[in-house]
C-alpha atoms as a PDB file:
ATOM      1  CA  MET A   1       6.946  21.237   1.536  1.00  0.00           C
ATOM      2  CA  THR A   2       4.905  18.196   0.554  1.00  0.00           C
ATOM      3  CA  ILE A   3       6.225  14.635   0.277  1.00  0.00           C
ATOM      4  CA  ASP A   4       3.806  12.323  -1.504  1.00  0.00           C
ATOM      5  CA  ILE A   5       4.474   8.840  -0.134  1.00  0.00           C
ATOM      6  CA  TYR A   6       2.121   6.917  -2.446  1.00  0.00           C
ATOM      7  CA  THR A   7       2.501   7.723  -6.146  1.00  0.00           C
ATOM      8  CA  HIS A   8       2.644   5.336  -9.065  1.00  0.00           C
ATOM      9  CA  ILE A   9       4.989   5.240 -12.016  1.00  0.00           C
ATOM     10  CA  ALA A  10       5.261   2.776 -14.902  1.00  0.00           C
ATOM     11  CA  THR A  11       8.887   2.229 -15.844  1.00  0.00           C
ATOM     12  CA  PRO A  12       9.807   1.251 -19.429  1.00  0.00           C
ATOM     13  CA  HIS A  13      10.171  -2.427 -18.539  1.00  0.00           C
ATOM     14  CA  PHE A  14       6.808  -2.448 -16.767  1.00  0.00           C
ATOM     15  CA  MET A  15       5.002  -0.824 -19.693  1.00  0.00           C
ATOM     16  CA  SER A  16       6.649  -3.187 -22.151  1.00  0.00           C
ATOM     17  CA  PHE A  17       5.747  -6.198 -20.012  1.00  0.00           C
ATOM     18  CA  LEU A  18       2.169  -4.993 -19.641  1.00  0.00           C
ATOM     19  CA  GLU A  19       1.778  -4.443 -23.368  1.00  0.00           C
ATOM     20  CA  LYS A  20       2.967  -7.978 -24.106  1.00  0.00           C
ATOM     21  CA  GLN A  21       0.238  -9.421 -21.883  1.00  0.00           C
ATOM     22  CA  GLY A  22      -2.445  -8.170 -24.252  1.00  0.00           C
ATOM     23  CA  ASP A  23      -5.360  -5.849 -23.670  1.00  0.00           C
ATOM     24  CA  SER A  24      -8.378  -8.108 -23.356  1.00  0.00           C
ATOM     25  CA  ILE A  25      -9.980  -5.923 -20.657  1.00  0.00           C
ATOM     26  CA  GLY A  26      -8.593  -2.596 -21.818  1.00  0.00           C
ATOM     27  CA  LEU A  27      -6.026  -2.466 -19.010  1.00  0.00           C
ATOM     28  CA  PHE A  28      -3.055  -1.412 -21.117  1.00  0.00           C
ATOM     29  CA  THR A  29      -5.189   1.136 -22.952  1.00  0.00           C
ATOM     30  CA  ARG A  30      -6.365   2.615 -19.634  1.00  0.00           C
ATOM     31  CA  LEU A  31      -2.881   2.923 -18.197  1.00  0.00           C
ATOM     32  CA  LYS A  32      -1.436   4.279 -21.425  1.00  0.00           C
ATOM     33  CA  ALA A  33      -4.047   7.042 -21.351  1.00  0.00           C
ATOM     34  CA  LYS A  34      -2.462   8.257 -18.095  1.00  0.00           C
ATOM     35  CA  GLN A  35       0.444  10.101 -19.708  1.00  0.00           C
ATOM     36  CA  SER A  36       2.034  11.133 -16.423  1.00  0.00           C
ATOM     37  CA  LEU A  37       2.243   7.488 -15.401  1.00  0.00           C
ATOM     38  CA  TYR A  38       5.139   6.871 -17.787  1.00  0.00           C
ATOM     39  CA  ASN A  39       5.959  10.182 -19.528  1.00  0.00           C
ATOM     40  CA  LEU A  40       8.306  12.219 -17.343  1.00  0.00           C
ATOM     41  CA  ASP A  41       7.595  15.522 -19.078  1.00  0.00           C
ATOM     42  CA  ALA A  42       3.877  15.104 -18.399  1.00  0.00           C
ATOM     43  CA  ARG A  43       4.591  13.987 -14.853  1.00  0.00           C
ATOM     44  CA  PHE A  44       6.873  16.907 -14.064  1.00  0.00           C
ATOM     45  CA  ALA A  45       4.328  19.348 -15.504  1.00  0.00           C
ATOM     46  CA  GLU A  46       1.725  17.993 -13.079  1.00  0.00           C
ATOM     47  CA  MET A  47       4.170  18.092 -10.183  1.00  0.00           C
ATOM     48  CA  ASP A  48       5.084  21.707 -10.928  1.00  0.00           C
ATOM     49  CA  GLN A  49       1.505  22.782 -10.301  1.00  0.00           C
ATOM     50  CA  SER A  50       2.189  22.244  -6.587  1.00  0.00           C
ATOM     51  CA  GLU A  51       4.868  24.224  -4.791  1.00  0.00           C
ATOM     52  CA  ASN A  52       7.850  22.422  -3.260  1.00  0.00           C
ATOM     53  CA  TYR A  53       6.405  18.993  -3.944  1.00  0.00           C
ATOM     54  CA  ARG A  54       8.289  15.646  -3.998  1.00  0.00           C
ATOM     55  CA  GLN A  55       7.300  12.017  -4.575  1.00  0.00           C
ATOM     56  CA  VAL A  56       8.028   8.502  -3.403  1.00  0.00           C
ATOM     57  CA  ILE A  57       7.395   6.254  -6.402  1.00  0.00           C
ATOM     58  CA  SER A  58       6.144   2.701  -6.830  1.00  0.00           C
ATOM     59  CA  LEU A  59       4.768   0.585  -9.653  1.00  0.00           C
ATOM     60  CA  PRO A  60       1.041   0.767 -10.393  1.00  0.00           C
ATOM     61  CA  ASN A  61      -1.656  -1.840 -10.011  1.00  0.00           C
ATOM     62  CA  PRO A  62      -2.068  -4.546 -11.309  1.00  0.00           C
ATOM     63  CA  PRO A  63       0.504  -6.727  -9.552  1.00  0.00           C
ATOM     64  CA  PHE A  64       2.774  -9.059 -11.467  1.00  0.00           C
ATOM     65  CA  GLU A  65       0.909 -11.998  -9.941  1.00  0.00           C
ATOM     66  CA  GLU A  66      -2.193 -11.029 -11.938  1.00  0.00           C
ATOM     67  CA  LEU A  67      -0.418 -10.217 -15.188  1.00  0.00           C
ATOM     68  CA  SER A  68       1.224 -13.486 -16.167  1.00  0.00           C
ATOM     69  CA  SER A  69       1.044 -17.205 -15.521  1.00  0.00           C
ATOM     70  CA  ALA A  70       4.591 -17.492 -14.160  1.00  0.00           C
ATOM     71  CA  ALA A  71       7.023 -15.294 -12.249  1.00  0.00           C
ATOM     72  CA  ASP A  72       9.833 -13.591 -14.175  1.00  0.00           C
ATOM     73  CA  PRO A  73      12.386 -12.279 -11.665  1.00  0.00           C
ATOM     74  CA  SER A  74      14.324 -10.432 -14.363  1.00  0.00           C
ATOM     75  CA  ILE A  75      11.370  -8.109 -15.073  1.00  0.00           C
ATOM     76  CA  VAL A  76      10.949  -7.254 -11.397  1.00  0.00           C
ATOM     77  CA  GLU A  77      14.676  -6.602 -11.044  1.00  0.00           C
ATOM     78  CA  ALA A  78      14.680  -4.359 -14.124  1.00  0.00           C
ATOM     79  CA  CYS A  79      11.763  -2.314 -12.780  1.00  0.00           C
ATOM     80  CA  ASN A  80      13.472  -1.814  -9.427  1.00  0.00           C
ATOM     81  CA  ASP A  81      16.694  -0.825 -11.192  1.00  0.00           C
ATOM     82  CA  GLU A  82      14.752   1.711 -13.258  1.00  0.00           C
ATOM     83  CA  MET A  83      13.070   3.249 -10.215  1.00  0.00           C
ATOM     84  CA  ALA A  84      16.427   3.518  -8.457  1.00  0.00           C
ATOM     85  CA  GLU A  85      17.882   5.225 -11.545  1.00  0.00           C
ATOM     86  CA  LEU A  86      15.030   7.745 -11.590  1.00  0.00           C
ATOM     87  CA  CYS A  87      15.619   8.608  -7.934  1.00  0.00           C
ATOM     88  CA  ALA A  88      19.343   9.051  -8.560  1.00  0.00           C
ATOM     89  CA  LYS A  89      18.792  11.172 -11.681  1.00  0.00           C
ATOM     90  CA  TYR A  90      16.001  13.358 -10.266  1.00  0.00           C
ATOM     91  CA  PRO A  91      16.603  13.638  -6.499  1.00  0.00           C
ATOM     92  CA  ASP A  92      14.663  16.896  -6.357  1.00  0.00           C
ATOM     93  CA  ARG A  93      11.633  15.095  -7.791  1.00  0.00           C
ATOM     94  CA  PHE A  94      11.806  11.593  -6.330  1.00  0.00           C
ATOM     95  CA  VAL A  95      12.995  11.152  -2.756  1.00  0.00           C
ATOM     96  CA  GLY A  96      12.762   7.365  -2.859  1.00  0.00           C
ATOM     97  CA  PHE A  97      10.895   4.319  -4.099  1.00  0.00           C
ATOM     98  CA  ALA A  98       9.092   1.259  -2.804  1.00  0.00           C
ATOM     99  CA  ALA A  99      10.519  -1.923  -4.277  1.00  0.00           C
ATOM    100  CA  ALA A 100       8.433  -4.236  -6.435  1.00  0.00           C
ATOM    101  CA  SER A 101       8.299  -8.015  -6.087  1.00  0.00           C
ATOM    102  CA  ASP A 102       6.491 -11.088  -7.369  1.00  0.00           C
ATOM    103  CA  MET A 103       5.146 -13.000  -4.388  1.00  0.00           C
ATOM    104  CA  ARG A 104       4.405 -16.234  -6.228  1.00  0.00           C
ATOM    105  CA  ASP A 105       7.973 -17.155  -5.339  1.00  0.00           C
ATOM    106  CA  PRO A 106       8.336 -15.765  -1.805  1.00  0.00           C
ATOM    107  CA  GLU A 107      11.998 -16.747  -1.456  1.00  0.00           C
ATOM    108  CA  THR A 108      12.936 -14.881  -4.633  1.00  0.00           C
ATOM    109  CA  ALA A 109      10.678 -11.986  -3.616  1.00  0.00           C
ATOM    110  CA  ALA A 110      12.431 -11.631  -0.254  1.00  0.00           C
ATOM    111  CA  ARG A 111      15.814 -11.758  -1.953  1.00  0.00           C
ATOM    112  CA  GLU A 112      14.834  -9.061  -4.478  1.00  0.00           C
ATOM    113  CA  ILE A 113      13.352  -6.754  -1.836  1.00  0.00           C
ATOM    114  CA  THR A 114      16.518  -7.154   0.228  1.00  0.00           C
ATOM    115  CA  ARG A 115      18.638  -6.302  -2.823  1.00  0.00           C
ATOM    116  CA  ALA A 116      16.517  -3.250  -3.569  1.00  0.00           C
ATOM    117  CA  VAL A 117      16.687  -1.937  -0.006  1.00  0.00           C
ATOM    118  CA  GLN A 118      20.329  -2.698   0.693  1.00  0.00           C
ATOM    119  CA  ASN A 119      21.868  -2.079  -2.751  1.00  0.00           C
ATOM    120  CA  LEU A 120      19.499   0.253  -4.584  1.00  0.00           C
ATOM    121  CA  GLY A 121      18.350   2.472  -1.730  1.00  0.00           C
ATOM    122  CA  ALA A 122      14.670   1.478  -1.764  1.00  0.00           C
ATOM    123  CA  LYS A 123      12.829   2.856   1.263  1.00  0.00           C
ATOM    124  CA  GLY A 124      10.817  -0.351   1.644  1.00  0.00           C
ATOM    125  CA  SER A 125       8.614  -2.495  -0.565  1.00  0.00           C
ATOM    126  CA  LEU A 126       5.114  -2.534  -1.980  1.00  0.00           C
ATOM    127  CA  LEU A 127       3.012  -5.644  -1.412  1.00  0.00           C
ATOM    128  CA  TYR A 128      -0.534  -6.380  -2.507  1.00  0.00           C
ATOM    129  CA  THR A 129      -3.259  -7.598  -0.182  1.00  0.00           C
ATOM    130  CA  ASN A 130      -3.403 -11.026  -1.793  1.00  0.00           C
ATOM    131  CA  VAL A 131      -1.240 -13.042  -4.134  1.00  0.00           C
ATOM    132  CA  ALA A 132      -3.495 -14.202  -6.951  1.00  0.00           C
ATOM    133  CA  GLY A 133      -6.123 -14.973  -4.306  1.00  0.00           C
ATOM    134  CA  ARG A 134      -3.776 -16.349  -1.640  1.00  0.00           C
ATOM    135  CA  PRO A 135      -3.735 -14.388   1.685  1.00  0.00           C
ATOM    136  CA  LEU A 136      -0.518 -12.862   2.962  1.00  0.00           C
ATOM    137  CA  ASP A 137      -0.870 -14.650   6.309  1.00  0.00           C
ATOM    138  CA  ASP A 138      -0.690 -18.019   4.526  1.00  0.00           C
ATOM    139  CA  GLU A 139       1.948 -20.367   5.946  1.00  0.00           C
ATOM    140  CA  LEU A 140       3.712 -20.217   2.570  1.00  0.00           C
ATOM    141  CA  TYR A 141       4.946 -16.714   3.462  1.00  0.00           C
ATOM    142  CA  SER A 142       6.177 -17.321   7.007  1.00  0.00           C
ATOM    143  CA  ASP A 143       9.865 -17.374   6.010  1.00  0.00           C
ATOM    144  CA  PHE A 144       9.310 -14.361   3.758  1.00  0.00           C
ATOM    145  CA  TRP A 145       7.955 -12.289   6.638  1.00  0.00           C
ATOM    146  CA  GLY A 146      10.863 -13.343   8.813  1.00  0.00           C
ATOM    147  CA  GLN A 147      13.352 -12.026   6.254  1.00  0.00           C
ATOM    148  CA  ILE A 148      11.444  -8.824   5.510  1.00  0.00           C
ATOM    149  CA  GLY A 149      10.892  -8.137   9.194  1.00  0.00           C
ATOM    150  CA  ALA A 150      14.652  -8.247   9.738  1.00  0.00           C
ATOM    151  CA  LEU A 151      15.154  -5.510   7.123  1.00  0.00           C
ATOM    152  CA  GLY A 152      13.428  -2.919   9.265  1.00  0.00           C
ATOM    153  CA  ALA A 153      11.923  -1.178   6.227  1.00  0.00           C
ATOM    154  CA  PRO A 154       8.208  -0.344   5.923  1.00  0.00           C
ATOM    155  CA  ILE A 155       5.708  -2.076   3.671  1.00  0.00           C
ATOM    156  CA  TRP A 156       3.422  -0.145   1.333  1.00  0.00           C
ATOM    157  CA  LEU A 157       0.252  -2.257   1.427  1.00  0.00           C
ATOM    158  CA  HIS A 158      -1.813  -1.867  -1.738  1.00  0.00           C
ATOM    159  CA  PRO A 159      -5.266  -3.434  -2.150  1.00  0.00           C
ATOM    160  CA  THR A 160      -5.977  -5.681  -5.096  1.00  0.00           C
ATOM    161  CA  ARG A 161      -9.220  -7.319  -6.058  1.00  0.00           C
ATOM    162  CA  THR A 162     -10.849  -7.851  -9.451  1.00  0.00           C
ATOM    163  CA  GLU A 163     -14.292  -8.467 -10.873  1.00  0.00           C
ATOM    164  CA  SER A 164     -13.531 -12.207 -10.687  1.00  0.00           C
ATOM    165  CA  MET A 165     -14.366 -12.059  -6.942  1.00  0.00           C
ATOM    166  CA  PRO A 166     -18.195 -11.813  -6.894  1.00  0.00           C
ATOM    167  CA  ASP A 167     -20.185  -9.992  -4.247  1.00  0.00           C
ATOM    168  CA  TYR A 168     -22.847 -12.721  -4.075  1.00  0.00           C
ATOM    169  CA  ALA A 169     -22.597 -16.488  -4.295  1.00  0.00           C
ATOM    170  CA  SER A 170     -25.267 -16.566  -6.996  1.00  0.00           C
ATOM    171  CA  GLU A 171     -23.176 -14.435  -9.361  1.00  0.00           C
ATOM    172  CA  ASP A 172     -19.998 -15.095 -11.311  1.00  0.00           C
ATOM    173  CA  ILE A 173     -18.456 -11.623 -11.119  1.00  0.00           C
ATOM    174  CA  SER A 174     -18.541  -8.482  -9.021  1.00  0.00           C
ATOM    175  CA  LYS A 175     -20.798  -6.073 -10.867  1.00  0.00           C
ATOM    176  CA  TYR A 176     -20.620  -2.299 -11.276  1.00  0.00           C
ATOM    177  CA  GLU A 177     -16.981  -2.131 -10.113  1.00  0.00           C
ATOM    178  CA  MET A 178     -18.008  -2.818  -6.526  1.00  0.00           C
ATOM    179  CA  TRP A 179     -14.802  -4.899  -6.353  1.00  0.00           C
ATOM    180  CA  TRP A 180     -12.822  -1.644  -6.713  1.00  0.00           C
ATOM    181  CA  CYS A 181     -14.880   0.980  -4.887  1.00  0.00           C
ATOM    182  CA  PHE A 182     -15.755  -1.104  -1.828  1.00  0.00           C
ATOM    183  CA  GLY A 183     -13.748  -4.284  -2.321  1.00  0.00           C
ATOM    184  CA  TRP A 184     -10.364  -2.599  -2.063  1.00  0.00           C
ATOM    185  CA  PRO A 185     -10.993  -1.013   1.362  1.00  0.00           C
ATOM    186  CA  TYR A 186     -12.347  -4.373   2.528  1.00  0.00           C
ATOM    187  CA  GLU A 187      -9.199  -6.106   1.239  1.00  0.00           C
ATOM    188  CA  THR A 188      -6.941  -3.737   3.140  1.00  0.00           C
ATOM    189  CA  THR A 189      -8.881  -4.128   6.377  1.00  0.00           C
ATOM    190  CA  VAL A 190      -9.057  -7.923   6.216  1.00  0.00           C
ATOM    191  CA  THR A 191      -5.392  -8.300   5.253  1.00  0.00           C
ATOM    192  CA  VAL A 192      -4.123  -6.123   8.092  1.00  0.00           C
ATOM    193  CA  THR A 193      -6.328  -7.826  10.662  1.00  0.00           C
ATOM    194  CA  ARG A 194      -5.282 -11.312   9.566  1.00  0.00           C
ATOM    195  CA  LEU A 195      -1.600 -10.336   9.629  1.00  0.00           C
ATOM    196  CA  ILE A 196      -2.059  -9.122  13.193  1.00  0.00           C
ATOM    197  CA  LEU A 197      -3.821 -12.353  14.213  1.00  0.00           C
ATOM    198  CA  SER A 198      -1.025 -14.365  12.597  1.00  0.00           C
ATOM    199  CA  GLY A 199       1.338 -12.956  15.216  1.00  0.00           C
ATOM    200  CA  LEU A 200       3.465 -11.143  12.627  1.00  0.00           C
ATOM    201  CA  PHE A 201       3.939  -8.024  14.717  1.00  0.00           C
ATOM    202  CA  ASP A 202       4.860 -10.004  17.820  1.00  0.00           C
ATOM    203  CA  ARG A 203       7.558 -11.752  15.805  1.00  0.00           C
ATOM    204  CA  ALA A 204       8.640  -8.556  14.030  1.00  0.00           C
ATOM    205  CA  PRO A 205       7.812  -5.697  16.426  1.00  0.00           C
ATOM    206  CA  GLN A 206       9.595  -3.137  14.236  1.00  0.00           C
ATOM    207  CA  MET A 207       7.381  -3.875  11.199  1.00  0.00           C
ATOM    208  CA  GLN A 208       5.354  -0.922   9.904  1.00  0.00           C
ATOM    209  CA  LEU A 209       2.656  -0.923   7.215  1.00  0.00           C
ATOM    210  CA  ILE A 210       1.627   2.098   5.158  1.00  0.00           C
ATOM    211  CA  THR A 211      -2.074   1.519   4.569  1.00  0.00           C
ATOM    212  CA  HIS A 212      -3.677   3.075   1.522  1.00  0.00           C
ATOM    213  CA  HIS A 213      -6.873   5.155   1.422  1.00  0.00           C
ATOM    214  CA  ALA A 214      -6.742   6.423   5.024  1.00  0.00           C
ATOM    215  CA  ALA A 215      -6.393   2.881   6.408  1.00  0.00           C
ATOM    216  CA  ALA A 216      -9.647   1.840   4.748  1.00  0.00           C
ATOM    217  CA  MET A 217     -12.361   0.668   7.185  1.00  0.00           C
ATOM    218  CA  ILE A 218     -10.165   0.573  10.277  1.00  0.00           C
ATOM    219  CA  PRO A 219     -10.663   4.095  11.749  1.00  0.00           C
ATOM    220  CA  ILE A 220     -14.430   4.089  11.198  1.00  0.00           C
ATOM    221  CA  PHE A 221     -14.923   0.560  12.517  1.00  0.00           C
ATOM    222  CA  ALA A 222     -12.404   0.766  15.375  1.00  0.00           C
ATOM    223  CA  SER A 223     -14.909  -0.008  18.141  1.00  0.00           C
ATOM    224  CA  ARG A 224     -16.468  -2.797  16.084  1.00  0.00           C
ATOM    225  CA  ILE A 225     -13.000  -4.284  15.667  1.00  0.00           C
ATOM    226  CA  GLU A 226     -12.032  -3.872  19.304  1.00  0.00           C
ATOM    227  CA  LEU A 227     -15.249  -4.972  20.984  1.00  0.00           C
ATOM    228  CA  GLY A 228     -16.812  -7.101  18.279  1.00  0.00           C
ATOM    229  CA  LEU A 229     -13.809  -9.286  17.577  1.00  0.00           C
ATOM    230  CA  ALA A 230     -13.307  -9.795  21.293  1.00  0.00           C
ATOM    231  CA  ALA A 231     -16.168 -12.300  20.946  1.00  0.00           C
ATOM    232  CA  MET A 232     -14.460 -14.098  18.081  1.00  0.00           C
ATOM    233  CA  GLY A 233     -15.503 -17.727  17.785  1.00  0.00           C
ATOM    234  CA  THR A 234     -18.997 -17.280  19.165  1.00  0.00           C
ATOM    235  CA  ARG A 235     -20.781 -16.451  15.903  1.00  0.00           C
ATOM    236  CA  THR A 236     -19.955 -19.472  13.755  1.00  0.00           C
ATOM    237  CA  ASN A 237     -20.088 -23.219  14.131  1.00  0.00           C
ATOM    238  CA  VAL A 238     -16.687 -23.695  12.500  1.00  0.00           C
ATOM    239  CA  ASP A 239     -13.570 -23.411  14.627  1.00  0.00           C
ATOM    240  CA  ASP A 240     -11.106 -21.602  12.358  1.00  0.00           C
ATOM    241  CA  GLY A 241      -8.576 -21.029  15.139  1.00  0.00           C
ATOM    242  CA  GLY A 242      -9.240 -17.298  15.328  1.00  0.00           C
ATOM    243  CA  ALA A 243     -10.168 -17.198  19.000  1.00  0.00           C
ATOM    244  CA  GLU A 244      -6.960 -19.029  19.906  1.00  0.00           C
ATOM    245  CA  LYS A 245      -4.891 -16.658  17.757  1.00  0.00           C
ATOM    246  CA  LEU A 246      -6.521 -13.713  19.519  1.00  0.00           C
ATOM    247  CA  ARG A 247      -5.652 -15.150  22.941  1.00  0.00           C
ATOM    248  CA  LYS A 248      -2.026 -15.660  21.939  1.00  0.00           C
ATOM    249  CA  LEU A 249      -1.426 -12.020  20.984  1.00  0.00           C
ATOM    250  CA  LYS A 250       0.904 -10.238  23.384  1.00  0.00           C
ATOM    251  CA  LYS A 251      -1.115  -7.004  23.302  1.00  0.00           C
ATOM    252  CA  PRO A 252      -4.767  -6.059  22.890  1.00  0.00           C
ATOM    253  CA  LEU A 253      -5.823  -6.432  19.264  1.00  0.00           C
ATOM    254  CA  ILE A 254      -6.601  -2.736  18.716  1.00  0.00           C
ATOM    255  CA  ASP A 255      -3.118  -1.706  19.886  1.00  0.00           C
ATOM    256  CA  TYR A 256      -1.495  -3.388  16.889  1.00  0.00           C
ATOM    257  CA  PHE A 257      -3.449  -1.184  14.491  1.00  0.00           C
ATOM    258  CA  ARG A 258      -2.340   1.960  16.286  1.00  0.00           C
ATOM    259  CA  ASN A 259       1.295   0.904  16.720  1.00  0.00           C
ATOM    260  CA  HIS A 260       2.101  -0.713  13.386  1.00  0.00           C
ATOM    261  CA  LEU A 261       0.075   1.168  10.775  1.00  0.00           C
ATOM    262  CA  TYR A 262       0.393   4.481   9.016  1.00  0.00           C
ATOM    263  CA  ALA A 263      -2.684   5.841   7.242  1.00  0.00           C
ATOM    264  CA  ASP A 264      -2.304   7.907   4.076  1.00  0.00           C
ATOM    265  CA  THR A 265      -4.431  10.755   2.741  1.00  0.00           C
ATOM    266  CA  ALA A 266      -5.191   9.215  -0.676  1.00  0.00           C
ATOM    267  CA  MET A 267      -8.925   9.905  -0.629  1.00  0.00           C
ATOM    268  CA  PHE A 268      -9.306  11.901  -3.869  1.00  0.00           C
ATOM    269  CA  GLY A 269      -9.136  15.154  -1.935  1.00  0.00           C
ATOM    270  CA  ASP A 270     -11.878  14.285   0.545  1.00  0.00           C
ATOM    271  CA  VAL A 271     -10.821  14.740   4.173  1.00  0.00           C
ATOM    272  CA  ILE A 272     -13.682  13.064   6.053  1.00  0.00           C
ATOM    273  CA  GLY A 273     -11.895   9.719   6.041  1.00  0.00           C
ATOM    274  CA  VAL A 274      -8.545  11.399   6.744  1.00  0.00           C
ATOM    275  CA  THR A 275     -10.063  13.183   9.739  1.00  0.00           C
ATOM    276  CA  ALA A 276     -11.325   9.848  11.073  1.00  0.00           C
ATOM    277  CA  ALA A 277      -7.863   8.342  10.575  1.00  0.00           C
ATOM    278  CA  LEU A 278      -6.290  11.275  12.395  1.00  0.00           C
ATOM    279  CA  GLU A 279      -8.699  10.784  15.277  1.00  0.00           C
ATOM    280  CA  PHE A 280      -7.845   7.090  15.515  1.00  0.00           C
ATOM    281  CA  PHE A 281      -4.099   7.046  14.802  1.00  0.00           C
ATOM    282  CA  GLY A 282      -3.052  10.461  16.080  1.00  0.00           C
ATOM    283  CA  PRO A 283      -0.959  13.132  14.319  1.00  0.00           C
ATOM    284  CA  ASP A 284       2.258  11.096  14.122  1.00  0.00           C
ATOM    285  CA  ARG A 285       0.841   8.325  11.927  1.00  0.00           C
ATOM    286  CA  ILE A 286      -0.819  10.136   9.033  1.00  0.00           C
ATOM    287  CA  VAL A 287       1.263  10.490   5.862  1.00  0.00           C
ATOM    288  CA  PHE A 288       0.454  12.505   2.777  1.00  0.00           C
ATOM    289  CA  ALA A 289      -0.439  10.597  -0.396  1.00  0.00           C
ATOM    290  CA  SER A 290      -2.354  11.558  -3.515  1.00  0.00           C
ATOM    291  CA  ASP A 291      -2.268   8.224  -5.398  1.00  0.00           C
ATOM    292  CA  THR A 292      -1.276  10.194  -8.490  1.00  0.00           C
ATOM    293  CA  PRO A 293      -1.791   9.804 -11.422  1.00  0.00           C
ATOM    294  CA  PHE A 294      -5.036   8.107 -10.350  1.00  0.00           C
ATOM    295  CA  GLY A 295      -5.799  10.707  -7.705  1.00  0.00           C
ATOM    296  CA  PRO A 296      -5.428  14.515  -7.712  1.00  0.00           C
ATOM    297  CA  ILE A 297      -2.278  16.057  -6.266  1.00  0.00           C
ATOM    298  CA  GLU A 298      -3.254  19.657  -5.618  1.00  0.00           C
ATOM    299  CA  LYS A 299      -6.798  18.878  -4.480  1.00  0.00           C
ATOM    300  CA  THR A 300      -5.396  16.454  -1.910  1.00  0.00           C
ATOM    301  CA  ILE A 301      -2.861  19.022  -0.702  1.00  0.00           C
ATOM    302  CA  GLN A 302      -5.524  21.688  -0.347  1.00  0.00           C
ATOM    303  CA  GLY A 303      -7.764  19.221   1.455  1.00  0.00           C
ATOM    304  CA  VAL A 304      -5.087  18.642   4.091  1.00  0.00           C
ATOM    305  CA  LYS A 305      -4.314  22.346   4.349  1.00  0.00           C
ATOM    306  CA  GLY A 306      -8.020  23.000   4.918  1.00  0.00           C
ATOM    307  CA  MET A 307      -8.307  20.553   7.820  1.00  0.00           C
ATOM    308  CA  ARG A 308      -8.963  22.009  11.258  1.00  0.00           C
ATOM    309  CA  VAL A 309      -5.570  21.128  12.694  1.00  0.00           C
ATOM    310  CA  ASP A 310      -2.695  23.198  14.021  1.00  0.00           C
ATOM    311  CA  ALA A 311       0.327  24.037  11.888  1.00  0.00           C
ATOM    312  CA  THR A 312       2.520  21.410  13.556  1.00  0.00           C
ATOM    313  CA  THR A 313       0.062  18.623  12.786  1.00  0.00           C
ATOM    314  CA  ARG A 314      -0.415  19.845   9.225  1.00  0.00           C
ATOM    315  CA  ASP A 315       3.342  19.848   8.600  1.00  0.00           C
ATOM    316  CA  LYS A 316       3.649  16.363  10.075  1.00  0.00           C
ATOM    317  CA  ILE A 317       1.020  15.116   7.638  1.00  0.00           C
ATOM    318  CA  LEU A 318       2.414  16.930   4.588  1.00  0.00           C
ATOM    319  CA  PHE A 319       6.050  15.921   5.051  1.00  0.00           C
ATOM    320  CA  GLY A 320       7.286  15.410   8.601  1.00  0.00           C
ATOM    321  CA  ASN A 321       5.942  11.937   9.313  1.00  0.00           C
ATOM    322  CA  THR A 322       7.113  10.596   5.953  1.00  0.00           C
ATOM    323  CA  ALA A 323      10.582  12.092   6.396  1.00  0.00           C
ATOM    324  CA  LYS A 324      10.881  10.450   9.802  1.00  0.00           C
ATOM    325  CA  LEU A 325       9.494   7.083   8.730  1.00  0.00           C
ATOM    326  CA  LEU A 326      11.689   6.840   5.613  1.00  0.00           C
ATOM    327  CA  LYS A 327      14.738   8.420   7.294  1.00  0.00           C
ATOM    328  CA  LEU A 328      14.940  11.220   4.746  1.00  0.00           C
ATOM    329  CA  SER A 329      17.461  13.988   5.247  1.00  0.00           C
END
């Protein structure tokens, strides 16, 4: 069996909303070209190419915060209702969904996620690494995290970054899609680290994050994080409070990564990064994900099956860890 914890689907309300925003950068055209993103027949045909395969669904990038100038709670609610309906109608295809939200209004977002989890059966919620440029550890979201932490449901953390965030101060945009290829892993790593330093996991010790793309830079840079950030505050002339935040943590910084993160296998079938994540997190914290329809399903499955691990570890990655985390029967 394989349970794919990170797959994207565009519900009718999402596609309609996206189309109304216009197509100035070809976004709607690109997503519409992915038939299996919104056409169930095409999606099921792709799924059937892999034996005994199930999905957890969530909306695709881009986030609502980047699509319109103002929040529209009714659209978010409709999309969550539609994902819940799909799970109820096709339980042998979709074992659950991650609720959507619009974080520009954190109080409404917390209320909608709570509704989705408690009333619709959502397994947790999907959040993006920034809210139209605002970090998730901003004081604006302190009450939000308190409410979400009390739910006890995991967070799917999805990177977001656009060409509007340049790589160099002398330029106006990020060129050559560096914002996507390298910017997204950076976003994930920075967001997680800042959430840890904010004390979130001390306040909500049951909180778990599902980190996309094999937990990004974290496994590879683990020693740099652990030893390098231990000297926080000594490299700059500006006191940003980081050293004090580090001192206030109840556990060593590196322990929070290992105890509160799950790393997925969404690496386009490549297992080098997944192997590094397995080495860092251990066999109980790697969950299978293909990122379909943007990443390959079968190639990712075969990549995991080809890893030099024992059968127990392989089964944990393919379905066991996800079933346990999401409390699937």
